[in-house]
Amino acid sequence: MHSLGKSVLIIDTDPQANATLGLGVYPETIQRSIYQYYLHRCNQTANEISISEYIIKTISGIDLVPSHLDLIGAEPLLYQFTDRYYILSSGIAPLKSRYDYILIDTPPFLGQFVLNAMIAADRSVVVFSPDTFALAGYNHLLLIINDISEMLGRKVKIDMAILNRWPRLEDMNETFLDKIHNLFRKKSGDETDGEQEIRDQLEKRVKMEIPETVIVPEGRHISQSIKQGVPLVVLSPNDPSLQGFREAASIIDGWR
């Protein structure tokens, strides 16, 4: 979105801090993160804390509320706070006029941070990885969404599915070495027919149940982009995965 000239804020609520690292920020070097924000908001005697106090500027020009592994310790405290589901939404509300887009990165496991993010968000995007647990995770997520909908009294839904690193050879513009590598994987038994069948089932379901589905093929320079903290579009503008990411960005831009 930033490459389209939009002002973007990313709020990293994942204790693994992958979004933070991907933007070139090392959690051990920062003094304030989303962890402190949650702690202050759970302290009912504290003065009102603005989430803007935790925003930093990254080398890519994208604003970031970073995360830290310490965030794991904040989740048990949330259960003692009556309005725990709305901590993030109340913090984001004053910032909406400052940014074209506010993106919230959540943990891969379901919990208070995912609930906060889904309640705060106007739209929801789910990223699926090509593993055998993705289908079960999708079913679990749907149950959680139903619970949230009942709790809020309004419909909560998934607006887009991104099938990331999806093994679809015809979309990958394979080199000769790629073809040899994938042929070797098939012969060596790295991937079973059952795993492919599960992926096919998941892809078919999300295309039927979710309004927008984007397939992102395996990228060749994504790990390098993350290590350097440089956006993939800058580091490797011809990376095969970028076509999918651009399609997702275009869909999101159309939601405004």
Protein backbone atom coordinates (compact mmCIF):
# COMPACT_ATOMS: atom_id res chain seq x y z
CA MET A 1 0.00 0.00 0.00
CA HIS A 2 2.86 2.37 0.83
CA SER A 3 4.29 1.86 -2.68
CA LEU A 4 0.95 3.18 -4.02
CA GLY A 5 1.58 6.47 -2.23
CA LYS A 6 -0.72 5.72 0.71
CA SER A 7 0.01 6.58 4.33
CA VAL A 8 0.22 3.31 6.25
CA LEU A 9 0.44 2.37 9.91
CA ILE A 10 1.19 -1.22 10.89
CA ILE A 11 0.31 -2.35 14.39
CA ASP A 12 2.15 -5.54 15.30
CA THR A 13 0.24 -7.50 17.94
CA ASP A 14 2.12 -10.76 17.41
CA PRO A 15 4.66 -11.61 20.16
CA GLN A 16 6.83 -13.20 17.46
CA ALA A 17 7.22 -9.65 16.06
CA ASN A 18 7.59 -10.80 12.46
CA ALA A 19 6.03 -7.61 11.07
CA THR A 20 8.39 -5.57 13.25
CA LEU A 21 11.44 -7.50 12.06
CA GLY A 22 10.26 -7.35 8.46
CA LEU A 23 10.30 -3.56 8.64
CA GLY A 24 13.89 -3.53 9.86
CA VAL A 25 13.18 -2.96 13.55
CA TYR A 26 14.78 -5.29 16.10
CA PRO A 27 12.55 -5.70 19.17
CA GLU A 28 15.51 -5.82 21.57
CA THR A 29 16.55 -2.32 20.49
CA ILE A 30 13.25 -0.57 21.27
CA GLN A 31 12.07 0.76 24.60
CA ARG A 32 8.33 0.99 23.91
CA SER A 33 6.08 -1.46 22.12
CA ILE A 34 2.47 -2.60 21.93
CA TYR A 35 3.23 -4.55 25.10
CA GLN A 36 3.49 -1.37 27.18
CA TYR A 37 0.33 -0.03 25.56
CA TYR A 38 -1.70 -3.04 26.66
CA LEU A 39 -0.21 -2.90 30.15
CA HIS A 40 -1.10 0.77 30.62
CA ARG A 41 -4.63 0.29 29.32
CA CYS A 42 -5.18 -2.63 31.71
CA ASN A 43 -4.15 -0.40 34.59
CA GLN A 44 -7.46 1.27 35.32
CA THR A 45 -5.80 3.88 37.56
CA ALA A 46 -3.47 5.06 34.80
CA ASN A 47 -4.05 8.20 32.77
CA GLU A 48 -5.42 7.73 29.27
CA ILE A 49 -2.60 6.47 27.04
CA SER A 50 -2.59 7.19 23.30
CA ILE A 51 -1.33 4.51 20.95
CA SER A 52 0.35 7.30 18.96
CA GLU A 53 3.00 7.44 21.71
CA TYR A 54 4.24 4.04 20.53
CA ILE A 55 4.52 4.80 16.81
CA ILE A 56 7.97 4.78 15.21
CA LYS A 57 9.05 5.56 11.65
CA THR A 58 10.74 2.70 9.75
CA ILE A 59 13.38 2.93 7.03
CA SER A 60 10.73 2.14 4.42
CA GLY A 61 8.66 5.17 5.45
CA ILE A 62 5.91 3.02 6.95
CA ASP A 63 4.82 3.90 10.48
CA LEU A 64 4.91 1.04 12.98
CA VAL A 65 3.72 0.20 16.47
CA PRO A 66 6.29 -2.53 17.16
CA SER A 67 5.85 -5.75 19.07
CA HIS A 68 8.05 -7.66 21.49
CA LEU A 69 8.20 -11.17 22.93
CA ASP A 70 7.18 -9.67 26.29
CA LEU A 71 3.69 -9.28 24.84
CA ILE A 72 3.03 -12.90 25.80
CA GLY A 73 2.98 -11.79 29.43
CA ALA A 74 0.22 -9.24 28.81
CA GLU A 75 -2.47 -11.68 27.72
CA PRO A 76 -3.21 -13.17 31.18
CA LEU A 77 -3.67 -9.63 32.52
CA LEU A 78 -6.35 -8.88 29.96
CA TYR A 79 -8.72 -11.38 31.54
CA GLN A 80 -8.86 -9.13 34.61
CA PHE A 81 -9.92 -6.11 32.54
CA THR A 82 -13.65 -5.71 31.89
CA ASP A 83 -13.33 -3.94 28.52
CA ARG A 84 -10.44 -6.08 27.33
CA TYR A 85 -11.97 -6.75 23.90
CA TYR A 86 -11.99 -3.05 22.99
CA ILE A 87 -8.50 -1.97 24.10
CA LEU A 88 -7.14 -1.85 20.56
CA SER A 89 -10.23 -0.39 18.89
CA SER A 90 -10.37 2.51 21.34
CA GLY A 91 -6.69 3.24 20.71
CA ILE A 92 -7.02 3.14 16.93
CA ALA A 93 -10.12 5.34 16.66
CA PRO A 94 -8.25 8.70 17.03
CA LEU A 95 -5.69 7.63 14.40
CA LYS A 96 -8.04 6.82 11.54
CA SER A 97 -7.97 10.36 10.16
CA ARG A 98 -4.14 10.33 10.04
CA TYR A 99 -3.69 7.28 7.82
CA ASP A 100 -5.12 5.87 4.62
CA TYR A 101 -4.67 2.39 6.02
CA ILE A 102 -4.05 0.89 9.43
CA LEU A 103 -2.99 -2.76 9.21
CA ILE A 104 -3.01 -5.00 12.28
CA ASP A 105 -0.79 -8.07 12.33
CA THR A 106 -2.01 -10.78 14.70
CA PRO A 107 -0.52 -13.96 16.15
CA PRO A 108 -1.08 -17.29 14.36
CA PHE A 109 -2.80 -18.59 17.49
CA LEU A 110 -6.25 -17.51 18.66
CA GLY A 111 -6.46 -15.41 21.81
CA GLN A 112 -7.08 -11.94 23.21
CA PHE A 113 -4.89 -10.16 20.65
CA VAL A 114 -6.72 -11.73 17.72
CA LEU A 115 -10.08 -10.86 19.30
CA ASN A 116 -8.96 -7.26 19.85
CA ALA A 117 -7.80 -6.98 16.25
CA MET A 118 -10.94 -8.44 14.71
CA ILE A 119 -13.14 -6.12 16.74
CA ALA A 120 -10.99 -3.10 15.88
CA ALA A 121 -10.77 -3.86 12.16
CA ASP A 122 -13.21 -2.66 9.50
CA ARG A 123 -12.11 -5.57 7.28
CA SER A 124 -10.43 -8.91 7.96
CA VAL A 125 -7.81 -10.68 5.86
CA VAL A 126 -6.70 -14.22 6.67
CA VAL A 127 -3.42 -15.61 5.37
CA PHE A 128 -3.25 -19.37 4.83
CA SER A 129 -0.01 -21.31 4.58
CA PRO A 130 0.22 -24.51 2.50
CA ASP A 131 0.33 -27.00 5.37
CA THR A 132 -1.88 -29.84 6.52
CA PHE A 133 -3.15 -27.88 9.55
CA ALA A 134 -4.54 -24.93 7.59
CA LEU A 135 -7.93 -26.55 6.98
CA ALA A 136 -8.44 -27.38 10.66
CA GLY A 137 -7.31 -23.86 11.59
CA TYR A 138 -9.85 -22.39 9.20
CA ASN A 139 -12.68 -24.37 10.79
CA HIS A 140 -11.56 -23.22 14.25
CA LEU A 141 -11.39 -19.61 13.10
CA LEU A 142 -14.96 -19.75 11.79
CA LEU A 143 -16.16 -20.88 15.22
CA ILE A 144 -14.36 -17.94 16.85
CA ILE A 145 -15.86 -15.51 14.33
CA ASN A 146 -19.35 -16.80 15.16
CA ASP A 147 -18.65 -16.25 18.87
CA ILE A 148 -17.45 -12.69 18.20
CA SER A 149 -20.52 -11.96 16.07
CA GLU A 150 -22.82 -13.10 18.87
CA MET A 151 -20.88 -11.10 21.45
CA LEU A 152 -20.98 -7.88 19.41
CA GLY A 153 -24.44 -8.34 18.00
CA ARG A 154 -23.14 -7.64 14.50
CA LYS A 155 -21.80 -9.71 11.64
CA VAL A 156 -18.04 -10.29 11.61
CA LYS A 157 -16.64 -11.95 8.51
CA ILE A 158 -13.49 -12.62 6.53
CA ASP A 159 -13.23 -10.30 3.53
CA MET A 160 -10.14 -11.73 1.85
CA ALA A 161 -8.12 -14.94 1.90
CA ILE A 162 -4.48 -14.89 0.87
CA LEU A 163 -3.13 -18.33 0.00
CA ASN A 164 0.53 -17.60 0.64
CA ARG A 165 3.42 -19.62 -0.80
CA TRP A 166 0.81 -21.64 -2.64
CA PRO A 167 2.45 -24.33 -4.79
CA ARG A 168 0.94 -23.70 -8.19
CA LEU A 169 3.58 -24.28 -10.82
CA GLU A 170 1.77 -22.63 -13.72
CA ASP A 171 1.76 -19.35 -11.75
CA MET A 172 5.43 -19.41 -10.85
CA ASN A 173 7.25 -18.91 -14.18
CA GLU A 174 9.55 -21.75 -13.18
CA THR A 175 13.15 -21.86 -14.20
CA PHE A 176 14.68 -25.15 -15.27
CA LEU A 177 16.23 -25.55 -11.80
CA ASP A 178 12.84 -24.97 -10.19
CA LYS A 179 11.34 -27.79 -12.26
CA ILE A 180 14.14 -30.17 -11.29
CA HIS A 181 13.75 -29.23 -7.61
CA ASN A 182 9.99 -29.82 -7.61
CA LEU A 183 10.37 -33.09 -9.50
CA PHE A 184 12.89 -34.26 -6.89
CA ARG A 185 10.53 -33.27 -4.05
CA LYS A 186 7.73 -35.29 -5.59
CA LYS A 187 9.91 -38.39 -6.04
CA SER A 188 11.45 -38.13 -2.59
CA GLY A 189 8.02 -38.15 -0.96
CA ASP A 190 8.34 -34.69 0.64
CA GLU A 191 4.74 -34.08 -0.29
CA THR A 192 2.02 -36.71 -0.19
CA ASP A 193 -1.10 -36.90 -2.31
CA GLY A 194 -3.07 -36.41 0.92
CA GLU A 195 -1.40 -33.08 1.62
CA GLN A 196 -2.16 -31.90 -1.90
CA GLU A 197 -5.77 -33.01 -1.48
CA ILE A 198 -6.10 -31.01 1.77
CA ARG A 199 -4.74 -27.91 0.04
CA ASP A 200 -7.15 -28.40 -2.85
CA GLN A 201 -10.06 -28.71 -0.40
CA LEU A 202 -9.05 -25.55 1.42
CA GLU A 203 -8.61 -23.58 -1.79
CA LYS A 204 -12.02 -24.68 -3.05
CA ARG A 205 -13.71 -23.77 0.24
CA VAL A 206 -12.22 -20.32 0.64
CA LYS A 207 -13.06 -19.43 -2.94
CA MET A 208 -16.69 -20.36 -2.24
CA GLU A 209 -16.98 -18.84 1.25
CA ILE A 210 -14.77 -15.72 1.17
CA PRO A 211 -15.52 -12.78 -1.17
CA GLU A 212 -11.92 -12.30 -2.37
CA THR A 213 -9.21 -14.95 -2.72
CA VAL A 214 -5.66 -14.16 -3.79
CA ILE A 215 -3.03 -16.79 -4.56
CA VAL A 216 0.56 -15.76 -3.85
CA PRO A 217 3.21 -18.12 -5.27
CA GLU A 218 6.44 -18.92 -3.49
CA GLY A 219 8.77 -15.91 -3.47
CA ARG A 220 12.48 -16.23 -4.09
CA HIS A 221 13.69 -13.24 -2.07
CA ILE A 222 11.17 -12.91 0.77
CA SER A 223 13.51 -14.27 3.45
CA GLN A 224 16.23 -11.88 2.28
CA SER A 225 13.74 -9.00 2.39
CA ILE A 226 12.81 -9.87 5.98
CA LYS A 227 16.43 -10.21 7.10
CA GLN A 228 17.36 -6.82 5.63
CA GLY A 229 14.16 -5.08 6.72
CA VAL A 230 13.68 -3.81 3.16
CA PRO A 231 10.29 -4.13 1.43
CA LEU A 232 10.25 -6.85 -1.20
CA VAL A 233 9.05 -4.43 -3.87
CA VAL A 234 12.25 -2.41 -3.34
CA LEU A 235 14.67 -5.30 -2.90
CA SER A 236 13.38 -7.47 -5.74
CA PRO A 237 10.67 -5.80 -7.85
CA ASN A 238 10.42 -8.85 -10.14
CA ASP A 239 9.94 -11.43 -7.41
CA PRO A 240 7.18 -13.88 -8.51
CA SER A 241 5.22 -13.40 -5.28
CA LEU A 242 4.73 -9.67 -5.87
CA GLN A 243 2.00 -10.17 -8.45
CA GLY A 244 -0.18 -11.74 -5.76
CA PHE A 245 0.66 -9.09 -3.17
CA ARG A 246 -0.11 -6.32 -5.67
CA GLU A 247 -3.47 -7.93 -6.42
CA ALA A 248 -4.26 -8.03 -2.68
CA ALA A 249 -3.22 -4.38 -2.28
CA SER A 250 -5.43 -3.38 -5.21
CA ILE A 251 -8.44 -5.15 -3.67
CA ILE A 252 -7.84 -3.46 -0.31
CA ASP A 253 -7.49 -0.09 -2.02
CA GLY A 254 -10.88 -0.68 -3.65
CA TRP A 255 -12.53 -1.06 -0.25
CA ARG A 256 -12.15 2.63 0.55
